[in-house]
Amino acid sequence: IAGSAHAVGPAVSALNAKISAEGGVASGEGAGLVS
């Protein structure tokens, strides 16, 4: 939410989308996210 507004252009040049996948360890357990 905080970082994806960096679209190129005036404020937003055109409709665009982003997808990401993350994995890591938290409290000694695996964690995985898709955004």
PDB file of all heavy atoms in Angstrom:
ATOM      1  N   ILE A   1       0.829  -1.205   0.000  1.00  0.00           N
ATOM      2  CA  ILE A   1       0.000   0.000   0.000  1.00  0.00           C
ATOM      3  C   ILE A   1       0.859   1.249   0.000  1.00  0.00           C
ATOM      4  O   ILE A   1       0.579   2.226  -0.685  1.00  0.00           O
ATOM      5  CB  ILE A   1      -0.924  -0.009   1.234  1.00  0.00           C
ATOM      6  CG1 ILE A   1      -1.828  -1.245   1.201  1.00  0.00           C
ATOM      7  CG2 ILE A   1      -1.752   1.255   1.295  1.00  0.00           C
ATOM      8  CD1 ILE A   1      -2.668  -1.428   2.433  1.00  0.00           C
ATOM      9  N   ALA A   2       1.939   1.214   0.765  1.00  0.00           N
ATOM     10  CA  ALA A   2       2.758   2.411   0.900  1.00  0.00           C
ATOM     11  C   ALA A   2       3.642   2.659  -0.298  1.00  0.00           C
ATOM     12  O   ALA A   2       3.935   3.806  -0.628  1.00  0.00           O
ATOM     13  CB  ALA A   2       3.635   2.287   2.149  1.00  0.00           C
ATOM     14  N   GLY A   3       4.098   1.602  -0.962  1.00  0.00           N
ATOM     15  CA  GLY A   3       5.159   1.783  -1.923  1.00  0.00           C
ATOM     16  C   GLY A   3       4.802   1.644  -3.374  1.00  0.00           C
ATOM     17  O   GLY A   3       5.603   1.983  -4.240  1.00  0.00           O
ATOM     18  N   SER A   4       3.622   1.148  -3.694  1.00  0.00           N
ATOM     19  CA  SER A   4       3.336   0.833  -5.080  1.00  0.00           C
ATOM     20  C   SER A   4       2.809   2.003  -5.886  1.00  0.00           C
ATOM     21  O   SER A   4       2.533   1.856  -7.064  1.00  0.00           O
ATOM     22  CB  SER A   4       2.310  -0.308  -5.143  1.00  0.00           C
ATOM     23  OG  SER A   4       2.826  -1.463  -4.524  1.00  0.00           O
ATOM     24  N   ALA A   5       2.645   3.133  -5.283  1.00  0.00           N
ATOM     25  CA  ALA A   5       2.101   4.276  -6.004  1.00  0.00           C
ATOM     26  C   ALA A   5       3.139   4.986  -6.856  1.00  0.00           C
ATOM     27  O   ALA A   5       2.852   6.005  -7.453  1.00  0.00           O
ATOM     28  CB  ALA A   5       1.508   5.281  -5.017  1.00  0.00           C
ATOM     29  N   HIS A   6       4.333   4.438  -6.937  1.00  0.00           N
ATOM     30  CA  HIS A   6       5.390   5.050  -7.736  1.00  0.00           C
ATOM     31  C   HIS A   6       5.207   4.717  -9.213  1.00  0.00           C
ATOM     32  O   HIS A   6       6.097   4.188  -9.857  1.00  0.00           O
ATOM     33  CB  HIS A   6       6.756   4.560  -7.261  1.00  0.00           C
ATOM     34  CG  HIS A   6       7.122   5.094  -5.919  1.00  0.00           C
ATOM     35  ND1 HIS A   6       7.881   6.205  -5.734  1.00  0.00           N
ATOM     36  CD2 HIS A   6       6.801   4.661  -4.682  1.00  0.00           C
ATOM     37  CE1 HIS A   6       8.041   6.436  -4.451  1.00  0.00           C
ATOM     38  NE2 HIS A   6       7.384   5.505  -3.792  1.00  0.00           N
ATOM     39  N   ALA A   7       4.060   5.003  -9.750  1.00  0.00           N
ATOM     40  CA  ALA A   7       3.841   4.768 -11.174  1.00  0.00           C
ATOM     41  C   ALA A   7       4.496   5.878 -11.972  1.00  0.00           C
ATOM     42  O   ALA A   7       4.634   7.007 -11.521  1.00  0.00           O
ATOM     43  CB  ALA A   7       2.349   4.709 -11.462  1.00  0.00           C
ATOM     44  N   VAL A   8       4.920   5.543 -13.177  1.00  0.00           N
ATOM     45  CA  VAL A   8       5.593   6.515 -14.026  1.00  0.00           C
ATOM     46  C   VAL A   8       4.559   7.379 -14.726  1.00  0.00           C
ATOM     47  O   VAL A   8       3.531   6.896 -15.173  1.00  0.00           O
ATOM     48  CB  VAL A   8       6.464   5.783 -15.059  1.00  0.00           C
ATOM     49  CG1 VAL A   8       7.135   6.768 -15.978  1.00  0.00           C
ATOM     50  CG2 VAL A   8       7.484   4.900 -14.349  1.00  0.00           C
ATOM     51  N   GLY A   9       4.831   8.693 -14.839  1.00  0.00           N
ATOM     52  CA  GLY A   9       3.922   9.561 -15.567  1.00  0.00           C
ATOM     53  C   GLY A   9       3.495  10.732 -14.728  1.00  0.00           C
ATOM     54  O   GLY A   9       4.098  11.030 -13.717  1.00  0.00           O
ATOM     55  N   PRO A  10       2.411  11.423 -15.130  1.00  0.00           N
ATOM     56  CA  PRO A  10       1.927  12.575 -14.356  1.00  0.00           C
ATOM     57  C   PRO A  10       1.683  12.205 -12.904  1.00  0.00           C
ATOM     58  O   PRO A  10       2.524  12.434 -12.056  1.00  0.00           O
ATOM     59  CB  PRO A  10       0.649  12.959 -15.094  1.00  0.00           C
ATOM     60  CG  PRO A  10       0.861  12.491 -16.498  1.00  0.00           C
ATOM     61  CD  PRO A  10       1.664  11.222 -16.371  1.00  0.00           C
ATOM     62  N   ALA A  11       0.536  11.601 -12.596  1.00  0.00           N
ATOM     63  CA  ALA A  11       0.363  10.952 -11.296  1.00  0.00           C
ATOM     64  C   ALA A  11       0.425   9.453 -11.531  1.00  0.00           C
ATOM     65  O   ALA A  11       1.189   8.731 -10.899  1.00  0.00           O
ATOM     66  CB  ALA A  11      -0.965  11.337 -10.672  1.00  0.00           C
ATOM     67  N   VAL A  12      -0.378   8.990 -12.477  1.00  0.00           N
ATOM     68  CA  VAL A  12      -0.312   7.620 -12.989  1.00  0.00           C
ATOM     69  C   VAL A  12      -0.462   7.725 -14.496  1.00  0.00           C
ATOM     70  O   VAL A  12      -1.434   8.301 -14.987  1.00  0.00           O
ATOM     71  CB  VAL A  12      -1.432   6.742 -12.393  1.00  0.00           C
ATOM     72  CG1 VAL A  12      -1.334   5.327 -12.938  1.00  0.00           C
ATOM     73  CG2 VAL A  12      -1.362   6.724 -10.870  1.00  0.00           C
ATOM     74  N   SER A  13       0.464   7.171 -15.236  1.00  0.00           N
ATOM     75  CA  SER A  13       0.430   7.340 -16.691  1.00  0.00           C
ATOM     76  C   SER A  13      -0.693   6.545 -17.332  1.00  0.00           C
ATOM     77  O   SER A  13      -1.293   6.987 -18.318  1.00  0.00           O
ATOM     78  CB  SER A  13       1.768   6.921 -17.304  1.00  0.00           C
ATOM     79  OG  SER A  13       2.052   5.566 -16.983  1.00  0.00           O
ATOM     80  N   ALA A  14      -0.993   5.350 -16.782  1.00  0.00           N
ATOM     81  CA  ALA A  14      -2.025   4.489 -17.354  1.00  0.00           C
ATOM     82  C   ALA A  14      -2.355   3.408 -16.340  1.00  0.00           C
ATOM     83  O   ALA A  14      -1.648   3.242 -15.329  1.00  0.00           O
ATOM     84  CB  ALA A  14      -1.543   3.856 -18.666  1.00  0.00           C
ATOM     85  N   LEU A  15      -3.416   2.676 -16.593  1.00  0.00           N
ATOM     86  CA  LEU A  15      -3.764   1.543 -15.750  1.00  0.00           C
ATOM     87  C   LEU A  15      -2.603   0.550 -15.729  1.00  0.00           C
ATOM     88  O   LEU A  15      -2.081   0.163 -16.770  1.00  0.00           O
ATOM     89  CB  LEU A  15      -5.021   0.860 -16.285  1.00  0.00           C
ATOM     90  CG  LEU A  15      -5.530  -0.343 -15.487  1.00  0.00           C
ATOM     91  CD1 LEU A  15      -6.068   0.098 -14.133  1.00  0.00           C
ATOM     92  CD2 LEU A  15      -6.605  -1.074 -16.274  1.00  0.00           C
ATOM     93  N   ASN A  16      -2.157   0.155 -14.523  1.00  0.00           N
ATOM     94  CA  ASN A  16      -1.060  -0.802 -14.425  1.00  0.00           C
ATOM     95  C   ASN A  16      -1.252  -1.685 -13.210  1.00  0.00           C
ATOM     96  O   ASN A  16      -2.001  -1.349 -12.287  1.00  0.00           O
ATOM     97  CB  ASN A  16       0.300  -0.092 -14.395  1.00  0.00           C
ATOM     98  CG  ASN A  16       0.452   0.806 -13.185  1.00  0.00           C
ATOM     99  OD1 ASN A  16       0.837   0.353 -12.123  1.00  0.00           O
ATOM    100  ND2 ASN A  16       0.128   2.101 -13.338  1.00  0.00           N
ATOM    101  N   ALA A  17      -0.582  -2.819 -13.217  1.00  0.00           N
ATOM    102  CA  ALA A  17      -0.720  -3.804 -12.149  1.00  0.00           C
ATOM    103  C   ALA A  17       0.648  -4.325 -11.734  1.00  0.00           C
ATOM    104  O   ALA A  17       1.618  -4.265 -12.496  1.00  0.00           O
ATOM    105  CB  ALA A  17      -1.616  -4.952 -12.600  1.00  0.00           C
ATOM    106  N   LYS A  18       0.709  -4.849 -10.519  1.00  0.00           N
ATOM    107  CA  LYS A  18       1.945  -5.396  -9.974  1.00  0.00           C
ATOM    108  C   LYS A  18       1.611  -6.637  -9.160  1.00  0.00           C
ATOM    109  O   LYS A  18       0.599  -6.665  -8.455  1.00  0.00           O
ATOM    110  CB  LYS A  18       2.625  -4.356  -9.073  1.00  0.00           C
ATOM    111  CG  LYS A  18       3.851  -4.855  -8.328  1.00  0.00           C
ATOM    112  CD  LYS A  18       4.412  -3.760  -7.432  1.00  0.00           C
ATOM    113  CE  LYS A  18       5.594  -4.258  -6.612  1.00  0.00           C
ATOM    114  NZ  LYS A  18       6.136  -3.202  -5.726  1.00  0.00           N
ATOM    115  N   ILE A  19       2.433  -7.655  -9.250  1.00  0.00           N
ATOM    116  CA  ILE A  19       2.281  -8.855  -8.441  1.00  0.00           C
ATOM    117  C   ILE A  19       3.639  -9.245  -7.889  1.00  0.00           C
ATOM    118  O   ILE A  19       4.669  -9.070  -8.571  1.00  0.00           O
ATOM    119  CB  ILE A  19       1.649 -10.011  -9.248  1.00  0.00           C
ATOM    120  CG1 ILE A  19       1.326 -11.189  -8.323  1.00  0.00           C
ATOM    121  CG2 ILE A  19       2.538 -10.438 -10.411  1.00  0.00           C
ATOM    122  CD1 ILE A  19       0.458 -12.245  -8.953  1.00  0.00           C
ATOM    123  N   SER A  20       3.672  -9.736  -6.663  1.00  0.00           N
ATOM    124  CA  SER A  20       4.934 -10.119  -6.048  1.00  0.00           C
ATOM    125  C   SER A  20       4.718 -11.330  -5.152  1.00  0.00           C
ATOM    126  O   SER A  20       3.611 -11.572  -4.654  1.00  0.00           O
ATOM    127  CB  SER A  20       5.529  -8.961  -5.234  1.00  0.00           C
ATOM    128  OG  SER A  20       4.680  -8.632  -4.145  1.00  0.00           O
ATOM    129  N   ALA A  21       5.774 -12.087  -4.923  1.00  0.00           N
ATOM    130  CA  ALA A  21       5.759 -13.232  -4.021  1.00  0.00           C
ATOM    131  C   ALA A  21       6.936 -13.110  -3.068  1.00  0.00           C
ATOM    132  O   ALA A  21       8.037 -12.741  -3.482  1.00  0.00           O
ATOM    133  CB  ALA A  21       5.848 -14.536  -4.816  1.00  0.00           C
ATOM    134  N   GLU A  22       6.688 -13.382  -1.792  1.00  0.00           N
ATOM    135  CA  GLU A  22       7.714 -13.264  -0.768  1.00  0.00           C
ATOM    136  C   GLU A  22       7.695 -14.477   0.133  1.00  0.00           C
ATOM    137  O   GLU A  22       6.637 -15.058   0.381  1.00  0.00           O
ATOM    138  CB  GLU A  22       7.506 -12.006   0.082  1.00  0.00           C
ATOM    139  CG  GLU A  22       7.542 -10.705  -0.693  1.00  0.00           C
ATOM    140  CD  GLU A  22       6.207  -9.990  -0.672  1.00  0.00           C
ATOM    141  OE1 GLU A  22       5.553  -9.989   0.381  1.00  0.00           O
ATOM    142  OE2 GLU A  22       5.826  -9.443  -1.709  1.00  0.00           O
ATOM    143  N   GLY A  23       8.840 -14.840   0.648  1.00  0.00           N
ATOM    144  CA  GLY A  23       8.945 -15.922   1.612  1.00  0.00           C
ATOM    145  C   GLY A  23       9.984 -15.580   2.652  1.00  0.00           C
ATOM    146  O   GLY A  23      10.911 -14.817   2.388  1.00  0.00           O
ATOM    147  N   GLY A  24       9.817 -16.105   3.844  1.00  0.00           N
ATOM    148  CA  GLY A  24      10.771 -15.812   4.897  1.00  0.00           C
ATOM    149  C   GLY A  24      10.482 -16.631   6.138  1.00  0.00           C
ATOM    150  O   GLY A  24       9.713 -17.592   6.114  1.00  0.00           O
ATOM    151  N   VAL A  25      11.109 -16.242   7.246  1.00  0.00           N
ATOM    152  CA  VAL A  25      10.951 -16.919   8.523  1.00  0.00           C
ATOM    153  C   VAL A  25      10.524 -15.893   9.558  1.00  0.00           C
ATOM    154  O   VAL A  25      11.105 -14.809   9.647  1.00  0.00           O
ATOM    155  CB  VAL A  25      12.265 -17.598   8.963  1.00  0.00           C
ATOM    156  CG1 VAL A  25      12.104 -18.228  10.337  1.00  0.00           C
ATOM    157  CG2 VAL A  25      12.693 -18.640   7.947  1.00  0.00           C
ATOM    158  N   ALA A  26       9.495 -16.233  10.339  1.00  0.00           N
ATOM    159  CA  ALA A  26       9.022 -15.358  11.410  1.00  0.00           C
ATOM    160  C   ALA A  26       8.680 -16.224  12.616  1.00  0.00           C
ATOM    161  O   ALA A  26       7.977 -17.230  12.489  1.00  0.00           O
ATOM    162  CB  ALA A  26       7.809 -14.561  10.964  1.00  0.00           C
ATOM    163  N   SER A  27       9.200 -15.857  13.786  1.00  0.00           N
ATOM    164  CA  SER A  27       9.005 -16.639  15.014  1.00  0.00           C
ATOM    165  C   SER A  27       9.441 -18.085  14.830  1.00  0.00           C
ATOM    166  O   SER A  27       8.824 -19.012  15.352  1.00  0.00           O
ATOM    167  CB  SER A  27       7.534 -16.577  15.450  1.00  0.00           C
ATOM    168  OG  SER A  27       7.198 -15.288  15.861  1.00  0.00           O
ATOM    169  N   GLY A  28      10.485 -18.303  14.024  1.00  0.00           N
ATOM    170  CA  GLY A  28      11.011 -19.626  13.809  1.00  0.00           C
ATOM    171  C   GLY A  28      10.199 -20.484  12.863  1.00  0.00           C
ATOM    172  O   GLY A  28      10.492 -21.671  12.690  1.00  0.00           O
ATOM    173  N   GLU A  29       9.176 -19.902  12.234  1.00  0.00           N
ATOM    174  CA  GLU A  29       8.328 -20.651  11.314  1.00  0.00           C
ATOM    175  C   GLU A  29       8.338 -19.986   9.949  1.00  0.00           C
ATOM    176  O   GLU A  29       8.532 -18.776   9.825  1.00  0.00           O
ATOM    177  CB  GLU A  29       6.891 -20.718  11.850  1.00  0.00           C
ATOM    178  CG  GLU A  29       6.764 -21.427  13.185  1.00  0.00           C
ATOM    179  CD  GLU A  29       5.318 -21.568  13.615  1.00  0.00           C
ATOM    180  OE1 GLU A  29       4.436 -21.459  12.749  1.00  0.00           O
ATOM    181  OE2 GLU A  29       5.084 -21.781  14.816  1.00  0.00           O
ATOM    182  N   GLY A  30       8.123 -20.793   8.926  1.00  0.00           N
ATOM    183  CA  GLY A  30       8.083 -20.252   7.587  1.00  0.00           C
ATOM    184  C   GLY A  30       6.850 -19.405   7.349  1.00  0.00           C
ATOM    185  O   GLY A  30       5.784 -19.643   7.923  1.00  0.00           O
ATOM    186  N   ALA A  31       7.002 -18.396   6.512  1.00  0.00           N
ATOM    187  CA  ALA A  31       5.888 -17.526   6.129  1.00  0.00           C
ATOM    188  C   ALA A  31       5.995 -17.229   4.648  1.00  0.00           C
ATOM    189  O   ALA A  31       7.100 -17.034   4.128  1.00  0.00           O
ATOM    190  CB  ALA A  31       5.911 -16.226   6.930  1.00  0.00           C
ATOM    191  N   GLY A  32       4.884 -17.215   3.956  1.00  0.00           N
ATOM    192  CA  GLY A  32       4.878 -16.930   2.531  1.00  0.00           C
ATOM    193  C   GLY A  32       3.711 -16.039   2.161  1.00  0.00           C
ATOM    194  O   GLY A  32       2.610 -16.182   2.704  1.00  0.00           O
ATOM    195  N   LEU A  33       3.944 -15.106   1.259  1.00  0.00           N
ATOM    196  CA  LEU A  33       2.935 -14.126   0.870  1.00  0.00           C
ATOM    197  C   LEU A  33       2.927 -13.938  -0.635  1.00  0.00           C
ATOM    198  O   LEU A  33       3.970 -13.970  -1.277  1.00  0.00           O
ATOM    199  CB  LEU A  33       3.208 -12.761   1.521  1.00  0.00           C
ATOM    200  CG  LEU A  33       3.400 -12.698   3.026  1.00  0.00           C
ATOM    201  CD1 LEU A  33       3.864 -11.297   3.425  1.00  0.00           C
ATOM    202  CD2 LEU A  33       2.116 -13.048   3.742  1.00  0.00           C
ATOM    203  N   VAL A  34       1.757 -13.708  -1.183  1.00  0.00           N
ATOM    204  CA  VAL A  34       1.599 -13.270  -2.563  1.00  0.00           C
ATOM    205  C   VAL A  34       0.786 -11.989  -2.542  1.00  0.00           C
ATOM    206  O   VAL A  34      -0.289 -11.940  -1.931  1.00  0.00           O
ATOM    207  CB  VAL A  34       0.897 -14.340  -3.425  1.00  0.00           C
ATOM    208  CG1 VAL A  34       0.670 -13.813  -4.837  1.00  0.00           C
ATOM    209  CG2 VAL A  34       1.716 -15.619  -3.460  1.00  0.00           C
ATOM    210  N   SER A  35       1.303 -10.941  -3.175  1.00  0.00           N
ATOM    211  CA  SER A  35       0.666  -9.623  -3.157  1.00  0.00           C
ATOM    212  C   SER A  35       0.396  -9.131  -4.570  1.00  0.00           C
ATOM    213  O   SER A  35       1.166  -9.424  -5.496  1.00  0.00           O
ATOM    214  CB  SER A  35       1.561  -8.596  -2.441  1.00  0.00           C
ATOM    215  OG  SER A  35       1.844  -9.000  -1.122  1.00  0.00           O
TER     216      SER A  35
END
